[in-house]
Amino acid sequence: MKEDLVIILAVVVGLFIVIEVALRSLFGFGNPLIYIADEKIGYLLAPNQQTRRYGNRIEINQYSMRGEAIQELSVPATLRVLLLGDSIANGGWWTDQNNTISSLLQHSLALTYTRNFNQIQVLNASANSWGPRNELAYLQKFGSFNAQVVILLINTDDLFATAPTSLPVGRDRNYPDRKPPLALVEVFERYIKKPKLIPELEAVQKESGDRVGVNLEAISKIQALTRASNSHFLLVITPLLREVSPLEPRDYEIKARQHLSEFTQNYQISYIDFLPIFNSSKNPKTLYHDHIHLNLQGNQLVNEVIEQKLRELLALG
């Protein structure tokens, strides 16, 4: 009887170890990106961390950017672009480090303008669910890192973004503040365990008033900070999949986009709206990872259009 129990126990332990190792090596569970709270920004990806999720490499530098470590001040003859954004700019777990919009843009610029500059860097300051007010607070805290161009990449949902808050950090399973003891624990907490509601967060998400107007005001402040540092400012917006033909957008989204278009004209902001560009694609669905986030093909298209706009802004031949 004892021998049977020992054999059963050994099999169970062995199976546990195999599953744990597989979850870590194949999917990256057990080593999620962790977040830190910030009074003004709301939250940031914790600095100086690396992981792989589903085989995709993710690196966060000392300034909570998705990318390798950088010097705060650029060296002479450097072309530096600062990309601010949410999960679309960040790329998330579904995008390898080399396939983010910032990495693609840096590679494209380096291929064309190596003779013009000793170094080309596209910095990526972004985090899931950031809105214009989070991105403004990041710029106010860290500055623009001597970037010649600051790009704010938003999507239609960001026009309705609520005020920055640190409430999700350590309480929402998508914003962990520590590593789990086991990969199996992360899988259980992320996919099996019923998430706990955060009542205070629900109150924040019901923010009343003119959210679109407040977020446009934040964008105007980003533009002002950019101009104060003698940099160019470029505003870019990508559509939700339901906005792209033959699907139908919501009435409030149409009105918000019209408001945004008028705003960019009034403030003389360089502006790229990808809605007509995506609409001209033969099959817009092939540009998306899901209903909002872009896949590699979508990132490549965004990169191509932004690169062309940067040539105009910087008067590069």
Protein backbone atom coordinates (compact mmCIF):
# COMPACT_ATOMS: atom_id res chain seq x y z
CA MET A 1 0.00 0.00 0.00
CA LYS A 2 2.78 2.43 0.95
CA GLU A 3 4.63 1.68 -2.28
CA ASP A 4 1.50 2.46 -4.29
CA LEU A 5 1.08 5.76 -2.48
CA VAL A 6 4.71 6.64 -3.12
CA ILE A 7 4.31 5.87 -6.82
CA ILE A 8 1.12 7.94 -7.05
CA LEU A 9 2.76 10.81 -5.20
CA ALA A 10 5.82 10.65 -7.46
CA VAL A 11 3.60 10.71 -10.58
CA VAL A 12 1.61 13.69 -9.26
CA VAL A 13 4.78 15.62 -8.36
CA GLY A 14 6.36 14.75 -11.70
CA LEU A 15 3.27 15.88 -13.60
CA PHE A 16 3.19 19.11 -11.57
CA ILE A 17 6.81 19.85 -12.46
CA VAL A 18 6.27 19.11 -16.16
CA ILE A 19 3.24 21.41 -16.32
CA GLU A 20 5.02 24.18 -14.40
CA VAL A 21 8.07 24.03 -16.65
CA ALA A 22 5.92 23.95 -19.80
CA LEU A 23 3.86 26.95 -18.70
CA ARG A 24 7.02 28.93 -18.01
CA SER A 25 9.07 27.92 -21.06
CA LEU A 26 6.33 27.84 -23.70
CA PHE A 27 4.02 30.63 -22.55
CA GLY A 28 5.98 32.74 -20.10
CA PHE A 29 3.56 32.28 -17.22
CA GLY A 30 5.05 32.91 -13.80
CA ASN A 31 6.94 35.97 -15.05
CA PRO A 32 4.33 38.60 -15.98
CA LEU A 33 5.13 42.26 -16.43
CA ILE A 34 4.47 44.06 -13.17
CA TYR A 35 3.16 47.57 -12.58
CA ILE A 36 3.83 50.34 -10.10
CA ALA A 37 1.48 53.06 -8.92
CA ASP A 38 2.14 56.73 -9.64
CA GLU A 39 0.25 59.61 -8.04
CA LYS A 40 -0.04 61.64 -11.27
CA ILE A 41 0.34 59.12 -14.09
CA GLY A 42 -1.84 56.51 -12.41
CA TYR A 43 0.44 53.56 -13.11
CA LEU A 44 3.57 52.59 -14.99
CA LEU A 45 5.19 49.39 -16.10
CA ALA A 46 7.84 48.75 -13.45
CA PRO A 47 11.26 49.77 -14.78
CA ASN A 48 14.03 47.37 -15.75
CA GLN A 49 12.18 44.12 -16.43
CA GLN A 50 12.21 41.53 -19.19
CA THR A 51 9.99 38.59 -20.02
CA ARG A 52 8.64 36.43 -22.82
CA ARG A 53 4.94 35.84 -23.31
CA TYR A 54 3.83 33.25 -25.86
CA GLY A 55 7.34 33.43 -27.31
CA ASN A 56 7.30 37.22 -27.73
CA ARG A 57 10.16 39.14 -26.13
CA ILE A 58 9.23 42.13 -23.98
CA GLU A 59 11.76 44.53 -22.47
CA ILE A 60 11.03 47.55 -20.26
CA ASN A 61 13.80 50.08 -19.65
CA GLN A 62 14.65 52.31 -16.70
CA TYR A 63 12.01 54.90 -17.72
CA SER A 64 9.17 52.34 -17.94
CA MET A 65 9.38 52.45 -21.74
CA ARG A 66 9.02 49.39 -23.91
CA GLY A 67 12.57 49.20 -25.21
CA GLU A 68 16.19 48.89 -24.27
CA ALA A 69 17.96 51.14 -21.76
CA ILE A 70 18.71 54.66 -22.96
CA GLN A 71 20.63 57.73 -21.90
CA GLU A 72 18.34 60.48 -20.65
CA LEU A 73 19.99 62.99 -22.97
CA SER A 74 20.75 61.98 -26.53
CA VAL A 75 24.25 62.15 -27.92
CA PRO A 76 25.04 64.67 -30.70
CA ALA A 77 23.75 63.94 -34.21
CA THR A 78 20.95 61.71 -32.86
CA LEU A 79 17.45 61.62 -34.30
CA ARG A 80 15.18 60.84 -31.38
CA VAL A 81 11.42 60.34 -31.61
CA LEU A 82 9.22 59.88 -28.52
CA LEU A 83 6.09 57.78 -29.03
CA LEU A 84 3.40 58.15 -26.35
CA GLY A 85 0.44 55.80 -26.32
CA ASP A 86 -1.57 52.98 -24.83
CA SER A 87 -1.58 49.24 -25.56
CA ILE A 88 -1.61 49.87 -29.33
CA ALA A 89 1.73 51.67 -29.11
CA ASN A 90 3.00 49.25 -26.47
CA GLY A 91 2.11 46.14 -28.45
CA GLY A 92 1.29 44.05 -25.40
CA TRP A 93 2.07 40.37 -24.94
CA TRP A 94 0.98 39.53 -28.51
CA THR A 95 3.75 41.63 -30.10
CA ASP A 96 7.44 40.79 -30.10
CA GLN A 97 9.81 43.62 -29.21
CA ASN A 98 11.01 43.87 -32.82
CA ASN A 99 7.45 44.16 -34.17
CA THR A 100 6.18 47.09 -32.12
CA ILE A 101 5.41 50.28 -34.03
CA SER A 102 8.35 52.02 -32.36
CA SER A 103 10.82 49.28 -33.32
CA LEU A 104 9.54 49.14 -36.90
CA LEU A 105 9.78 52.92 -37.19
CA GLN A 106 13.29 53.01 -35.77
CA HIS A 107 14.40 50.32 -38.22
CA SER A 108 12.80 52.11 -41.19
CA LEU A 109 14.36 55.46 -40.30
CA ALA A 110 17.76 53.84 -39.75
CA LEU A 111 17.66 52.24 -43.20
CA THR A 112 16.98 55.57 -44.87
CA TYR A 113 18.73 58.19 -42.76
CA THR A 114 21.88 56.52 -41.42
CA ARG A 115 24.01 59.04 -43.29
CA ASN A 116 22.10 61.95 -41.77
CA PHE A 117 22.47 60.87 -38.13
CA ASN A 118 24.94 58.96 -35.99
CA GLN A 119 22.11 57.37 -34.05
CA ILE A 120 18.34 56.98 -34.50
CA GLN A 121 16.07 56.14 -31.58
CA VAL A 122 12.30 55.78 -31.33
CA LEU A 123 11.34 55.70 -27.66
CA ASN A 124 8.10 54.01 -26.61
CA ALA A 125 6.44 55.39 -23.46
CA SER A 126 3.17 53.50 -23.22
CA ALA A 127 1.01 51.25 -21.06
CA ASN A 128 -2.28 49.40 -21.32
CA SER A 129 -5.37 51.61 -21.14
CA TRP A 130 -3.49 54.88 -20.87
CA GLY A 131 -5.40 57.91 -22.12
CA PRO A 132 -4.26 61.45 -22.98
CA ARG A 133 -4.20 62.47 -19.32
CA ASN A 134 -1.87 59.59 -18.41
CA GLU A 135 0.40 60.45 -21.33
CA LEU A 136 0.43 64.14 -20.38
CA ALA A 137 1.40 63.24 -16.81
CA TYR A 138 4.23 61.02 -18.10
CA LEU A 139 5.56 63.88 -20.24
CA GLN A 140 5.31 66.29 -17.32
CA LYS A 141 7.26 63.91 -15.06
CA PHE A 142 9.98 62.68 -17.39
CA GLY A 143 10.14 65.28 -20.16
CA SER A 144 10.59 64.54 -23.85
CA PHE A 145 14.16 63.13 -23.65
CA ASN A 146 15.41 65.67 -26.22
CA ALA A 147 13.17 64.18 -28.89
CA GLN A 148 12.89 66.17 -32.10
CA VAL A 149 9.40 64.74 -32.58
CA VAL A 150 6.77 63.69 -30.04
CA ILE A 151 4.09 61.37 -31.44
CA LEU A 152 0.86 60.82 -29.53
CA LEU A 153 -0.80 57.64 -30.76
CA ILE A 154 -4.41 57.25 -29.62
CA ASN A 155 -7.43 55.23 -30.67
CA THR A 156 -11.08 56.26 -30.73
CA ASP A 157 -11.73 54.85 -27.24
CA ASP A 158 -9.04 57.15 -25.81
CA LEU A 159 -11.22 60.17 -26.53
CA PHE A 160 -13.47 58.88 -23.73
CA ALA A 161 -10.66 57.89 -21.33
CA THR A 162 -11.19 58.58 -17.64
CA ALA A 163 -8.83 60.29 -15.20
CA PRO A 164 -5.57 58.54 -14.25
CA THR A 165 -5.84 56.23 -11.26
CA SER A 166 -3.60 53.69 -9.56
CA LEU A 167 -6.53 51.64 -8.23
CA PRO A 168 -5.99 48.67 -10.62
CA VAL A 169 -2.38 48.13 -9.52
CA GLY A 170 -2.14 44.96 -7.48
CA ARG A 171 -5.93 44.53 -7.48
CA ASP A 172 -6.81 43.95 -11.13
CA ARG A 173 -5.32 40.70 -12.48
CA ASN A 174 -4.14 42.58 -15.58
CA TYR A 175 -2.01 44.95 -13.46
CA PRO A 176 -0.03 42.75 -11.03
CA ASP A 177 2.42 44.43 -8.67
CA ARG A 178 4.42 41.30 -7.88
CA LYS A 179 5.48 38.02 -9.47
CA PRO A 180 3.37 34.95 -8.64
CA PRO A 181 5.12 32.12 -6.78
CA LEU A 182 4.27 29.66 -9.57
CA ALA A 183 3.18 29.72 -13.20
CA LEU A 184 0.21 27.57 -12.19
CA VAL A 185 -0.82 30.23 -9.69
CA GLU A 186 -0.82 32.89 -12.40
CA VAL A 187 -2.92 30.72 -14.73
CA PHE A 188 -5.41 30.08 -11.93
CA GLU A 189 -5.66 33.75 -10.93
CA ARG A 190 -5.81 35.06 -14.49
CA TYR A 191 -8.09 32.54 -16.21
CA ILE A 192 -9.93 30.50 -13.59
CA LYS A 193 -10.46 32.55 -10.46
CA LYS A 194 -13.36 34.98 -10.66
CA PRO A 195 -11.98 38.53 -10.63
CA LYS A 196 -12.84 40.73 -7.67
CA LEU A 197 -14.69 43.94 -8.33
CA ILE A 198 -13.01 47.22 -7.37
CA PRO A 199 -15.86 49.49 -6.26
CA GLU A 200 -13.71 52.62 -6.18
CA LEU A 201 -12.59 51.96 -9.76
CA GLU A 202 -16.15 51.62 -10.93
CA ALA A 203 -16.77 55.13 -9.59
CA VAL A 204 -13.80 56.48 -11.57
CA GLN A 205 -15.01 54.78 -14.74
CA LYS A 206 -18.36 56.55 -14.38
CA GLU A 207 -16.65 59.95 -14.58
CA SER A 208 -19.23 62.51 -15.64
CA GLY A 209 -18.86 65.64 -17.72
CA ASP A 210 -17.35 66.24 -21.14
CA ARG A 211 -14.70 63.52 -21.26
CA VAL A 212 -13.88 64.25 -24.89
CA GLY A 213 -13.30 67.91 -24.11
CA VAL A 214 -11.12 67.10 -21.09
CA ASN A 215 -8.99 64.69 -23.12
CA LEU A 216 -8.63 67.18 -25.97
CA GLU A 217 -7.46 69.73 -23.41
CA ALA A 218 -4.81 67.23 -22.27
CA ILE A 219 -3.68 66.82 -25.88
CA SER A 220 -3.40 70.60 -26.24
CA LYS A 221 -1.14 70.63 -23.15
CA ILE A 222 1.02 67.89 -24.67
CA GLN A 223 1.33 70.04 -27.79
CA ALA A 224 2.29 73.06 -25.67
CA LEU A 225 4.99 71.13 -23.80
CA THR A 226 6.31 69.80 -27.08
CA ARG A 227 6.51 73.26 -28.61
CA ALA A 228 8.19 74.60 -25.46
CA SER A 229 10.98 72.07 -26.00
CA ASN A 230 11.26 73.11 -29.69
CA SER A 231 10.02 69.74 -30.88
CA HIS A 232 7.48 68.77 -33.51
CA PHE A 233 4.17 67.30 -32.38
CA LEU A 234 2.28 64.66 -34.34
CA LEU A 235 -1.13 63.32 -33.33
CA VAL A 236 -2.16 59.91 -34.70
CA ILE A 237 -5.46 58.09 -34.22
CA THR A 238 -6.36 54.52 -35.19
CA PRO A 239 -9.96 53.31 -35.49
CA LEU A 240 -11.78 50.50 -33.76
CA LEU A 241 -12.54 47.57 -36.05
CA ARG A 242 -16.27 48.35 -35.92
CA GLU A 243 -15.57 51.81 -37.38
CA VAL A 244 -13.93 50.40 -40.48
CA SER A 245 -16.20 49.60 -43.44
CA PRO A 246 -18.38 47.66 -43.93
CA LEU A 247 -19.03 47.85 -40.16
CA GLU A 248 -20.77 50.76 -38.49
CA PRO A 249 -19.39 53.10 -35.80
CA ARG A 250 -21.49 54.43 -32.92
CA ASP A 251 -22.99 57.91 -33.23
CA TYR A 252 -21.02 59.21 -30.25
CA GLU A 253 -17.77 57.99 -31.85
CA ILE A 254 -18.56 59.86 -35.06
CA LYS A 255 -19.25 63.05 -33.10
CA ALA A 256 -16.08 62.67 -31.04
CA ARG A 257 -13.97 62.20 -34.16
CA GLN A 258 -15.51 65.28 -35.74
CA HIS A 259 -14.70 67.21 -32.59
CA LEU A 260 -11.13 65.92 -32.77
CA SER A 261 -10.77 66.92 -36.41
CA GLU A 262 -11.97 70.46 -35.67
CA PHE A 263 -9.64 70.59 -32.67
CA THR A 264 -6.58 69.69 -34.75
CA GLN A 265 -7.44 72.40 -37.26
CA ASN A 266 -7.97 75.04 -34.59
CA TYR A 267 -4.70 74.19 -32.86
CA GLN A 268 -2.81 73.61 -36.13
CA ILE A 269 -1.75 70.13 -35.08
CA SER A 270 -0.09 67.75 -37.52
CA TYR A 271 -2.60 64.92 -37.66
CA ILE A 272 -2.97 61.45 -39.15
CA ASP A 273 -6.37 59.75 -39.09
CA PHE A 274 -6.04 56.10 -40.04
CA LEU A 275 -9.77 55.56 -40.53
CA PRO A 276 -9.78 56.50 -44.24
CA ILE A 277 -6.44 54.73 -44.71
CA PHE A 278 -7.76 51.49 -43.20
CA ASN A 279 -10.99 51.88 -45.17
CA SER A 280 -8.98 51.87 -48.38
CA SER A 281 -7.52 48.47 -47.49
CA LYS A 282 -8.98 45.47 -49.34
CA ASN A 283 -9.57 43.61 -46.09
CA PRO A 284 -9.21 45.84 -42.99
CA LYS A 285 -9.78 42.88 -40.66
CA THR A 286 -6.35 41.54 -41.62
CA LEU A 287 -4.79 44.57 -39.87
CA TYR A 288 -6.20 43.70 -36.44
CA HIS A 289 -5.24 41.34 -33.64
CA ASP A 290 -8.69 41.86 -32.09
CA HIS A 291 -11.37 44.56 -32.18
CA ILE A 292 -8.95 47.35 -31.27
CA HIS A 293 -5.31 46.22 -31.28
CA LEU A 294 -3.25 45.90 -34.44
CA ASN A 295 -1.25 42.90 -35.59
CA LEU A 296 2.10 43.01 -37.36
CA GLN A 297 0.49 43.90 -40.69
CA GLY A 298 -1.39 46.76 -39.05
CA ASN A 299 1.74 47.97 -37.28
CA GLN A 300 3.65 47.94 -40.55
CA LEU A 301 1.03 50.09 -42.26
CA VAL A 302 1.02 52.58 -39.38
CA ASN A 303 4.80 52.67 -39.52
CA GLU A 304 4.86 53.43 -43.24
CA VAL A 305 2.45 56.34 -42.97
CA ILE A 306 4.12 57.84 -39.89
CA GLU A 307 7.55 57.57 -41.49
CA GLN A 308 6.34 59.53 -44.52
CA LYS A 309 4.89 62.21 -42.23
CA LEU A 310 8.16 62.48 -40.31
CA ARG A 311 9.98 63.14 -43.56
CA GLU A 312 7.72 66.14 -44.10
CA LEU A 313 7.98 67.43 -40.52
CA LEU A 314 11.76 67.13 -40.39
CA ALA A 315 12.29 68.12 -44.03
CA LEU A 316 14.25 64.95 -44.67
CA GLY A 317 15.00 64.06 -48.27
